Amino acid sequence: MTELTAEQRQQRCDWAREIWAGAPSDSRWTGLLGAVAALLQEEGLDLEAEDFLALFTRPEDHLNLLDTLFEEHARRKLLGEAP
């Protein structure tokens, strides 16, 4: 993966906060939950509820997970599996 610029990093953090602000009425939320489930299954991760919430409320504290989730969501969106 290429290194993100500060602007790209901020865009991803804003993306996470925007989805959280609209959840659960935001259609992206459903797709994002699918991406989280796929990510957890593939990586064998045990994500605590507070870490999941912090990913959207304090994304700067979880940049690696945010990147992985963003990329998985983008992949699923390209495949038509997420809104």
PDB file of N, CA and C in Angstrom:
ATOM      1  N   MET A   1       0.839  -1.178   0.000  1.00  0.00           N
ATOM      2  CA  MET A   1       0.000   0.000   0.000  1.00  0.00           C
ATOM      3  C   MET A   1       0.882   1.238   0.000  1.00  0.00           C
ATOM      4  N   THR A   2       0.475   2.228  -0.779  1.00  0.00           N
ATOM      5  CA  THR A   2       1.243   3.457  -0.818  1.00  0.00           C
ATOM      6  C   THR A   2       0.946   4.299   0.421  1.00  0.00           C
ATOM      7  N   GLU A   3       1.902   5.123   0.751  1.00  0.00           N
ATOM      8  CA  GLU A   3       1.749   5.996   1.924  1.00  0.00           C
ATOM      9  C   GLU A   3       0.700   7.066   1.621  1.00  0.00           C
ATOM     10  N   LEU A   4      -0.193   7.285   2.544  1.00  0.00           N
ATOM     11  CA  LEU A   4      -1.242   8.280   2.367  1.00  0.00           C
ATOM     12  C   LEU A   4      -0.729   9.664   2.733  1.00  0.00           C
ATOM     13  N   THR A   5      -1.251  10.666   2.044  1.00  0.00           N
ATOM     14  CA  THR A   5      -0.934  12.040   2.406  1.00  0.00           C
ATOM     15  C   THR A   5      -1.762  12.410   3.636  1.00  0.00           C
ATOM     16  N   ALA A   6      -1.412  13.505   4.255  1.00  0.00           N
ATOM     17  CA  ALA A   6      -2.180  13.971   5.412  1.00  0.00           C
ATOM     18  C   ALA A   6      -3.626  14.244   5.019  1.00  0.00           C
ATOM     19  N   GLU A   7      -3.831  14.761   3.815  1.00  0.00           N
ATOM     20  CA  GLU A   7      -5.190  15.042   3.349  1.00  0.00           C
ATOM     21  C   GLU A   7      -5.976  13.749   3.146  1.00  0.00           C
ATOM     22  N   GLN A   8      -5.346  12.743   2.549  1.00  0.00           N
ATOM     23  CA  GLN A   8      -6.023  11.454   2.357  1.00  0.00           C
ATOM     24  C   GLN A   8      -6.350  10.816   3.704  1.00  0.00           C
ATOM     25  N   ARG A   9      -5.425  10.904   4.629  1.00  0.00           N
ATOM     26  CA  ARG A   9      -5.640  10.359   5.972  1.00  0.00           C
ATOM     27  C   ARG A   9      -6.837  11.048   6.620  1.00  0.00           C
ATOM     28  N   GLN A  10      -6.891  12.378   6.510  1.00  0.00           N
ATOM     29  CA  GLN A  10      -7.994  13.131   7.096  1.00  0.00           C
ATOM     30  C   GLN A  10      -9.315  12.762   6.430  1.00  0.00           C
ATOM     31  N   GLN A  11      -9.297  12.529   5.116  1.00  0.00           N
ATOM     32  CA  GLN A  11     -10.515  12.132   4.404  1.00  0.00           C
ATOM     33  C   GLN A  11     -11.040  10.804   4.935  1.00  0.00           C
ATOM     34  N   ARG A  12     -10.156   9.869   5.211  1.00  0.00           N
ATOM     35  CA  ARG A  12     -10.598   8.575   5.748  1.00  0.00           C
ATOM     36  C   ARG A  12     -11.174   8.731   7.147  1.00  0.00           C
ATOM     37  N   CYS A  13     -10.558   9.564   7.949  1.00  0.00           N
ATOM     38  CA  CYS A  13     -11.084   9.806   9.297  1.00  0.00           C
ATOM     39  C   CYS A  13     -12.451  10.487   9.224  1.00  0.00           C
ATOM     40  N   ASP A  14     -12.579  11.452   8.327  1.00  0.00           N
ATOM     41  CA  ASP A  14     -13.869  12.126   8.144  1.00  0.00           C
ATOM     42  C   ASP A  14     -14.929  11.153   7.650  1.00  0.00           C
ATOM     43  N   TRP A  15     -14.525  10.228   6.747  1.00  0.00           N
ATOM     44  CA  TRP A  15     -15.429   9.197   6.231  1.00  0.00           C
ATOM     45  C   TRP A  15     -15.989   8.374   7.388  1.00  0.00           C
ATOM     46  N   ALA A  16     -15.128   7.950   8.295  1.00  0.00           N
ATOM     47  CA  ALA A  16     -15.558   7.131   9.427  1.00  0.00           C
ATOM     48  C   ALA A  16     -16.524   7.906  10.313  1.00  0.00           C
ATOM     49  N   ARG A  17     -16.204   9.157  10.615  1.00  0.00           N
ATOM     50  CA  ARG A  17     -17.082   9.972  11.460  1.00  0.00           C
ATOM     51  C   ARG A  17     -18.423  10.236  10.779  1.00  0.00           C
ATOM     52  N   GLU A  18     -18.400  10.471   9.472  1.00  0.00           N
ATOM     53  CA  GLU A  18     -19.626  10.740   8.727  1.00  0.00           C
ATOM     54  C   GLU A  18     -20.558   9.528   8.753  1.00  0.00           C
ATOM     55  N   ILE A  19     -19.999   8.358   8.561  1.00  0.00           N
ATOM     56  CA  ILE A  19     -20.819   7.140   8.608  1.00  0.00           C
ATOM     57  C   ILE A  19     -21.389   6.957  10.010  1.00  0.00           C
ATOM     58  N   TRP A  20     -20.563   7.169  11.028  1.00  0.00           N
ATOM     59  CA  TRP A  20     -21.033   7.013  12.398  1.00  0.00           C
ATOM     60  C   TRP A  20     -22.161   7.984  12.695  1.00  0.00           C
ATOM     61  N   ALA A  21     -22.054   9.215  12.218  1.00  0.00           N
ATOM     62  CA  ALA A  21     -23.072  10.238  12.479  1.00  0.00           C
ATOM     63  C   ALA A  21     -24.423   9.848  11.864  1.00  0.00           C
ATOM     64  N   GLY A  22     -24.388   9.135  10.734  1.00  0.00           N
ATOM     65  CA  GLY A  22     -25.624   8.753  10.067  1.00  0.00           C
ATOM     66  C   GLY A  22     -26.128   7.379  10.417  1.00  0.00           C
ATOM     67  N   ALA A  23     -25.335   6.604  11.137  1.00  0.00           N
ATOM     68  CA  ALA A  23     -25.715   5.220  11.453  1.00  0.00           C
ATOM     69  C   ALA A  23     -26.923   5.221  12.378  1.00  0.00           C
ATOM     70  N   PRO A  24     -27.839   4.278  12.286  1.00  0.00           N
ATOM     71  CA  PRO A  24     -27.907   3.196  11.317  1.00  0.00           C
ATOM     72  C   PRO A  24     -28.734   3.549  10.080  1.00  0.00           C
ATOM     73  N   SER A  25     -29.183   4.800   9.953  1.00  0.00           N
ATOM     74  CA  SER A  25     -30.015   5.151   8.799  1.00  0.00           C
ATOM     75  C   SER A  25     -29.205   5.289   7.515  1.00  0.00           C
ATOM     76  N   ASP A  26     -27.912   5.456   7.618  1.00  0.00           N
ATOM     77  CA  ASP A  26     -27.042   5.569   6.449  1.00  0.00           C
ATOM     78  C   ASP A  26     -26.908   4.193   5.797  1.00  0.00           C
ATOM     79  N   SER A  27     -27.216   4.087   4.514  1.00  0.00           N
ATOM     80  CA  SER A  27     -27.157   2.787   3.839  1.00  0.00           C
ATOM     81  C   SER A  27     -25.745   2.223   3.821  1.00  0.00           C
ATOM     82  N   ARG A  28     -24.741   3.080   3.948  1.00  0.00           N
ATOM     83  CA  ARG A  28     -23.371   2.584   3.979  1.00  0.00           C
ATOM     84  C   ARG A  28     -23.097   1.770   5.239  1.00  0.00           C
ATOM     85  N   TRP A  29     -23.862   2.015   6.279  1.00  0.00           N
ATOM     86  CA  TRP A  29     -23.658   1.321   7.545  1.00  0.00           C
ATOM     87  C   TRP A  29     -23.810  -0.180   7.376  1.00  0.00           C
ATOM     88  N   THR A  30     -24.852  -0.601   6.652  1.00  0.00           N
ATOM     89  CA  THR A  30     -25.084  -2.016   6.421  1.00  0.00           C
ATOM     90  C   THR A  30     -23.915  -2.630   5.662  1.00  0.00           C
ATOM     91  N   GLY A  31     -23.483  -1.963   4.611  1.00  0.00           N
ATOM     92  CA  GLY A  31     -22.342  -2.447   3.849  1.00  0.00           C
ATOM     93  C   GLY A  31     -21.077  -2.482   4.675  1.00  0.00           C
ATOM     94  N   LEU A  32     -20.927  -1.501   5.533  1.00  0.00           N
ATOM     95  CA  LEU A  32     -19.743  -1.437   6.376  1.00  0.00           C
ATOM     96  C   LEU A  32     -19.732  -2.571   7.392  1.00  0.00           C
ATOM     97  N   LEU A  33     -20.882  -2.899   7.929  1.00  0.00           N
ATOM     98  CA  LEU A  33     -20.945  -4.017   8.867  1.00  0.00           C
ATOM     99  C   LEU A  33     -20.559  -5.318   8.171  1.00  0.00           C
ATOM    100  N   GLY A  34     -20.954  -5.455   6.912  1.00  0.00           N
ATOM    101  CA  GLY A  34     -20.541  -6.622   6.133  1.00  0.00           C
ATOM    102  C   GLY A  34     -19.037  -6.650   5.940  1.00  0.00           C
ATOM    103  N   ALA A  35     -18.458  -5.489   5.688  1.00  0.00           N
ATOM    104  CA  ALA A  35     -17.004  -5.399   5.518  1.00  0.00           C
ATOM    105  C   ALA A  35     -16.292  -5.736   6.819  1.00  0.00           C
ATOM    106  N   VAL A  36     -16.826  -5.274   7.936  1.00  0.00           N
ATOM    107  CA  VAL A  36     -16.225  -5.584   9.238  1.00  0.00           C
ATOM    108  C   VAL A  36     -16.271  -7.084   9.492  1.00  0.00           C
ATOM    109  N   ALA A  37     -17.426  -7.686   9.232  1.00  0.00           N
ATOM    110  CA  ALA A  37     -17.554  -9.128   9.457  1.00  0.00           C
ATOM    111  C   ALA A  37     -16.563  -9.902   8.589  1.00  0.00           C
ATOM    112  N   ALA A  38     -16.443  -9.516   7.323  1.00  0.00           N
ATOM    113  CA  ALA A  38     -15.498 -10.193   6.433  1.00  0.00           C
ATOM    114  C   ALA A  38     -14.066 -10.002   6.908  1.00  0.00           C
ATOM    115  N   LEU A  39     -13.747  -8.799   7.317  1.00  0.00           N
ATOM    116  CA  LEU A  39     -12.401  -8.500   7.797  1.00  0.00           C
ATOM    117  C   LEU A  39     -12.060  -9.314   9.039  1.00  0.00           C
ATOM    118  N   LEU A  40     -12.977  -9.357   9.977  1.00  0.00           N
ATOM    119  CA  LEU A  40     -12.735 -10.108  11.209  1.00  0.00           C
ATOM    120  C   LEU A  40     -12.558 -11.592  10.908  1.00  0.00           C
ATOM    121  N   GLN A  41     -13.376 -12.103  10.019  1.00  0.00           N
ATOM    122  CA  GLN A  41     -13.290 -13.517   9.678  1.00  0.00           C
ATOM    123  C   GLN A  41     -11.973 -13.833   8.971  1.00  0.00           C
ATOM    124  N   GLU A  42     -11.609 -13.018   7.999  1.00  0.00           N
ATOM    125  CA  GLU A  42     -10.387 -13.266   7.231  1.00  0.00           C
ATOM    126  C   GLU A  42      -9.130 -13.138   8.082  1.00  0.00           C
ATOM    127  N   GLU A  43      -9.115 -12.149   8.951  1.00  0.00           N
ATOM    128  CA  GLU A  43      -7.921 -11.868   9.738  1.00  0.00           C
ATOM    129  C   GLU A  43      -7.904 -12.601  11.079  1.00  0.00           C
ATOM    130  N   GLY A  44      -9.026 -13.208  11.435  1.00  0.00           N
ATOM    131  CA  GLY A  44      -9.102 -13.876  12.729  1.00  0.00           C
ATOM    132  C   GLY A  44      -8.961 -12.898  13.886  1.00  0.00           C
ATOM    133  N   LEU A  45      -9.458 -11.676  13.688  1.00  0.00           N
ATOM    134  CA  LEU A  45      -9.335 -10.634  14.704  1.00  0.00           C
ATOM    135  C   LEU A  45     -10.454 -10.740  15.729  1.00  0.00           C
ATOM    136  N   ASP A  46     -10.142 -10.384  16.939  1.00  0.00           N
ATOM    137  CA  ASP A  46     -11.132 -10.317  18.009  1.00  0.00           C
ATOM    138  C   ASP A  46     -11.270  -8.846  18.371  1.00  0.00           C
ATOM    139  N   LEU A  47     -12.237  -8.174  17.775  1.00  0.00           N
ATOM    140  CA  LEU A  47     -12.414  -6.744  17.960  1.00  0.00           C
ATOM    141  C   LEU A  47     -13.430  -6.497  19.065  1.00  0.00           C
ATOM    142  N   GLU A  48     -12.995  -5.869  20.109  1.00  0.00           N
ATOM    143  CA  GLU A  48     -13.889  -5.534  21.213  1.00  0.00           C
ATOM    144  C   GLU A  48     -14.860  -4.443  20.776  1.00  0.00           C
ATOM    145  N   ALA A  49     -16.038  -4.415  21.381  1.00  0.00           N
ATOM    146  CA  ALA A  49     -17.065  -3.432  21.014  1.00  0.00           C
ATOM    147  C   ALA A  49     -16.548  -2.007  21.149  1.00  0.00           C
ATOM    148  N   GLU A  50     -15.792  -1.740  22.215  1.00  0.00           N
ATOM    149  CA  GLU A  50     -15.310  -0.371  22.393  1.00  0.00           C
ATOM    150  C   GLU A  50     -14.297   0.021  21.320  1.00  0.00           C
ATOM    151  N   ASP A  51     -13.525  -0.956  20.823  1.00  0.00           N
ATOM    152  CA  ASP A  51     -12.592  -0.671  19.731  1.00  0.00           C
ATOM    153  C   ASP A  51     -13.348  -0.376  18.444  1.00  0.00           C
ATOM    154  N   PHE A  52     -14.427  -1.115  18.219  1.00  0.00           N
ATOM    155  CA  PHE A  52     -15.243  -0.878  17.033  1.00  0.00           C
ATOM    156  C   PHE A  52     -15.836   0.526  17.078  1.00  0.00           C
ATOM    157  N   LEU A  53     -16.386   0.911  18.214  1.00  0.00           N
ATOM    158  CA  LEU A  53     -16.965   2.254  18.345  1.00  0.00           C
ATOM    159  C   LEU A  53     -15.890   3.319  18.202  1.00  0.00           C
ATOM    160  N   ALA A  54     -14.726   3.089  18.797  1.00  0.00           N
ATOM    161  CA  ALA A  54     -13.640   4.057  18.719  1.00  0.00           C
ATOM    162  C   ALA A  54     -13.135   4.230  17.293  1.00  0.00           C
ATOM    163  N   LEU A  55     -13.252   3.188  16.484  1.00  0.00           N
ATOM    164  CA  LEU A  55     -12.831   3.278  15.089  1.00  0.00           C
ATOM    165  C   LEU A  55     -13.587   4.396  14.376  1.00  0.00           C
ATOM    166  N   PHE A  56     -14.824   4.626  14.771  1.00  0.00           N
ATOM    167  CA  PHE A  56     -15.642   5.656  14.135  1.00  0.00           C
ATOM    168  C   PHE A  56     -15.662   6.961  14.916  1.00  0.00           C
ATOM    169  N   THR A  57     -15.493   6.904  16.201  1.00  0.00           N
ATOM    170  CA  THR A  57     -15.531   8.129  16.993  1.00  0.00           C
ATOM    171  C   THR A  57     -14.148   8.748  17.174  1.00  0.00           C
ATOM    172  N   ARG A  58     -13.103   7.921  17.146  1.00  0.00           N
ATOM    173  CA  ARG A  58     -11.713   8.397  17.255  1.00  0.00           C
ATOM    174  C   ARG A  58     -10.842   7.660  16.231  1.00  0.00           C
ATOM    175  N   PRO A  59     -11.127   7.836  14.950  1.00  0.00           N
ATOM    176  CA  PRO A  59     -10.412   7.056  13.937  1.00  0.00           C
ATOM    177  C   PRO A  59      -8.900   7.272  13.934  1.00  0.00           C
ATOM    178  N   GLU A  60      -8.453   8.435  14.390  1.00  0.00           N
ATOM    179  CA  GLU A  60      -7.014   8.705  14.409  1.00  0.00           C
ATOM    180  C   GLU A  60      -6.257   7.734  15.314  1.00  0.00           C
ATOM    181  N   ASP A  61      -6.959   7.120  16.263  1.00  0.00           N
ATOM    182  CA  ASP A  61      -6.330   6.173  17.186  1.00  0.00           C
ATOM    183  C   ASP A  61      -6.226   4.762  16.595  1.00  0.00           C
ATOM    184  N   HIS A  62      -6.828   4.538  15.451  1.00  0.00           N
ATOM    185  CA  HIS A  62      -6.901   3.193  14.864  1.00  0.00           C
ATOM    186  C   HIS A  62      -6.638   3.250  13.360  1.00  0.00           C
ATOM    187  N   LEU A  63      -5.561   3.903  12.959  1.00  0.00           N
ATOM    188  CA  LEU A  63      -5.318   4.159  11.540  1.00  0.00           C
ATOM    189  C   LEU A  63      -5.137   2.889  10.712  1.00  0.00           C
ATOM    190  N   ASN A  64      -4.421   1.908  11.236  1.00  0.00           N
ATOM    191  CA  ASN A  64      -4.211   0.681  10.460  1.00  0.00           C
ATOM    192  C   ASN A  64      -5.519  -0.061  10.230  1.00  0.00           C
ATOM    193  N   LEU A  65      -6.327  -0.173  11.278  1.00  0.00           N
ATOM    194  CA  LEU A  65      -7.622  -0.840  11.135  1.00  0.00           C
ATOM    195  C   LEU A  65      -8.535  -0.029  10.228  1.00  0.00           C
ATOM    196  N   LEU A  66      -8.502   1.285  10.344  1.00  0.00           N
ATOM    197  CA  LEU A  66      -9.311   2.141   9.484  1.00  0.00           C
ATOM    198  C   LEU A  66      -8.928   1.944   8.020  1.00  0.00           C
ATOM    199  N   ASP A  67      -7.638   1.886   7.745  1.00  0.00           N
ATOM    200  CA  ASP A  67      -7.191   1.667   6.362  1.00  0.00           C
ATOM    201  C   ASP A  67      -7.697   0.341   5.827  1.00  0.00           C
ATOM    202  N   THR A  68      -7.567  -0.699   6.619  1.00  0.00           N
ATOM    203  CA  THR A  68      -8.005  -2.022   6.196  1.00  0.00           C
ATOM    204  C   THR A  68      -9.509  -2.035   5.954  1.00  0.00           C
ATOM    205  N   LEU A  69     -10.265  -1.436   6.854  1.00  0.00           N
ATOM    206  CA  LEU A  69     -11.713  -1.393   6.723  1.00  0.00           C
ATOM    207  C   LEU A  69     -12.124  -0.562   5.514  1.00  0.00           C
ATOM    208  N   PHE A  70     -11.484   0.576   5.325  1.00  0.00           N
ATOM    209  CA  PHE A  70     -11.790   1.440   4.187  1.00  0.00           C
ATOM    210  C   PHE A  70     -11.551   0.693   2.872  1.00  0.00           C
ATOM    211  N   GLU A  71     -10.431  -0.006   2.794  1.00  0.00           N
ATOM    212  CA  GLU A  71     -10.091  -0.743   1.578  1.00  0.00           C
ATOM    213  C   GLU A  71     -11.044  -1.917   1.344  1.00  0.00           C
ATOM    214  N   GLU A  72     -11.424  -2.599   2.409  1.00  0.00           N
ATOM    215  CA  GLU A  72     -12.381  -3.704   2.276  1.00  0.00           C
ATOM    216  C   GLU A  72     -13.744  -3.178   1.831  1.00  0.00           C
ATOM    217  N   HIS A  73     -14.162  -2.073   2.405  1.00  0.00           N
ATOM    218  CA  HIS A  73     -15.442  -1.478   2.019  1.00  0.00           C
ATOM    219  C   HIS A  73     -15.394  -1.035   0.557  1.00  0.00           C
ATOM    220  N   ALA A  74     -14.293  -0.422   0.138  1.00  0.00           N
ATOM    221  CA  ALA A  74     -14.147   0.004  -1.259  1.00  0.00           C
ATOM    222  C   ALA A  74     -14.183  -1.206  -2.198  1.00  0.00           C
ATOM    223  N   ARG A  75     -13.513  -2.288  -1.801  1.00  0.00           N
ATOM    224  CA  ARG A  75     -13.513  -3.508  -2.611  1.00  0.00           C
ATOM    225  C   ARG A  75     -14.923  -4.059  -2.755  1.00  0.00           C
ATOM    226  N   ARG A  76     -15.644  -4.128  -1.642  1.00  0.00           N
ATOM    227  CA  ARG A  76     -17.016  -4.652  -1.667  1.00  0.00           C
ATOM    228  C   ARG A  76     -17.936  -3.738  -2.477  1.00  0.00           C
ATOM    229  N   LYS A  77     -17.682  -2.441  -2.407  1.00  0.00           N
ATOM    230  CA  LYS A  77     -18.490  -1.499  -3.175  1.00  0.00           C
ATOM    231  C   LYS A  77     -18.258  -1.714  -4.671  1.00  0.00           C
ATOM    232  N   LEU A  78     -17.012  -1.900  -5.071  1.00  0.00           N
ATOM    233  CA  LEU A  78     -16.701  -2.155  -6.475  1.00  0.00           C
ATOM    234  C   LEU A  78     -17.349  -3.450  -6.979  1.00  0.00           C
ATOM    235  N   LEU A  79     -17.471  -4.417  -6.102  1.00  0.00           N
ATOM    236  CA  LEU A  79     -18.082  -5.697  -6.464  1.00  0.00           C
ATOM    237  C   LEU A  79     -19.610  -5.667  -6.383  1.00  0.00           C
ATOM    238  N   GLY A  80     -20.148  -4.525  -5.930  1.00  0.00           N
ATOM    239  CA  GLY A  80     -21.596  -4.398  -5.796  1.00  0.00           C
ATOM    240  C   GLY A  80     -22.149  -5.042  -4.546  1.00  0.00           C
ATOM    241  N   GLU A  81     -21.291  -5.328  -3.580  1.00  0.00           N
ATOM    242  CA  GLU A  81     -21.715  -5.982  -2.346  1.00  0.00           C
ATOM    243  C   GLU A  81     -22.003  -4.988  -1.228  1.00  0.00           C
ATOM    244  N   ALA A  82     -21.750  -3.712  -1.472  1.00  0.00           N
ATOM    245  CA  ALA A  82     -21.977  -2.687  -0.451  1.00  0.00           C
ATOM    246  C   ALA A  82     -22.495  -1.428  -1.133  1.00  0.00           C
ATOM    247  N   PRO A  83     -23.364  -0.678  -0.442  1.00  0.00           N
ATOM    248  CA  PRO A  83     -23.898   0.573  -1.021  1.00  0.00           C
ATOM    249  C   PRO A  83     -22.837   1.664  -1.066  1.00  0.00           C
TER     250      PRO A  83
END
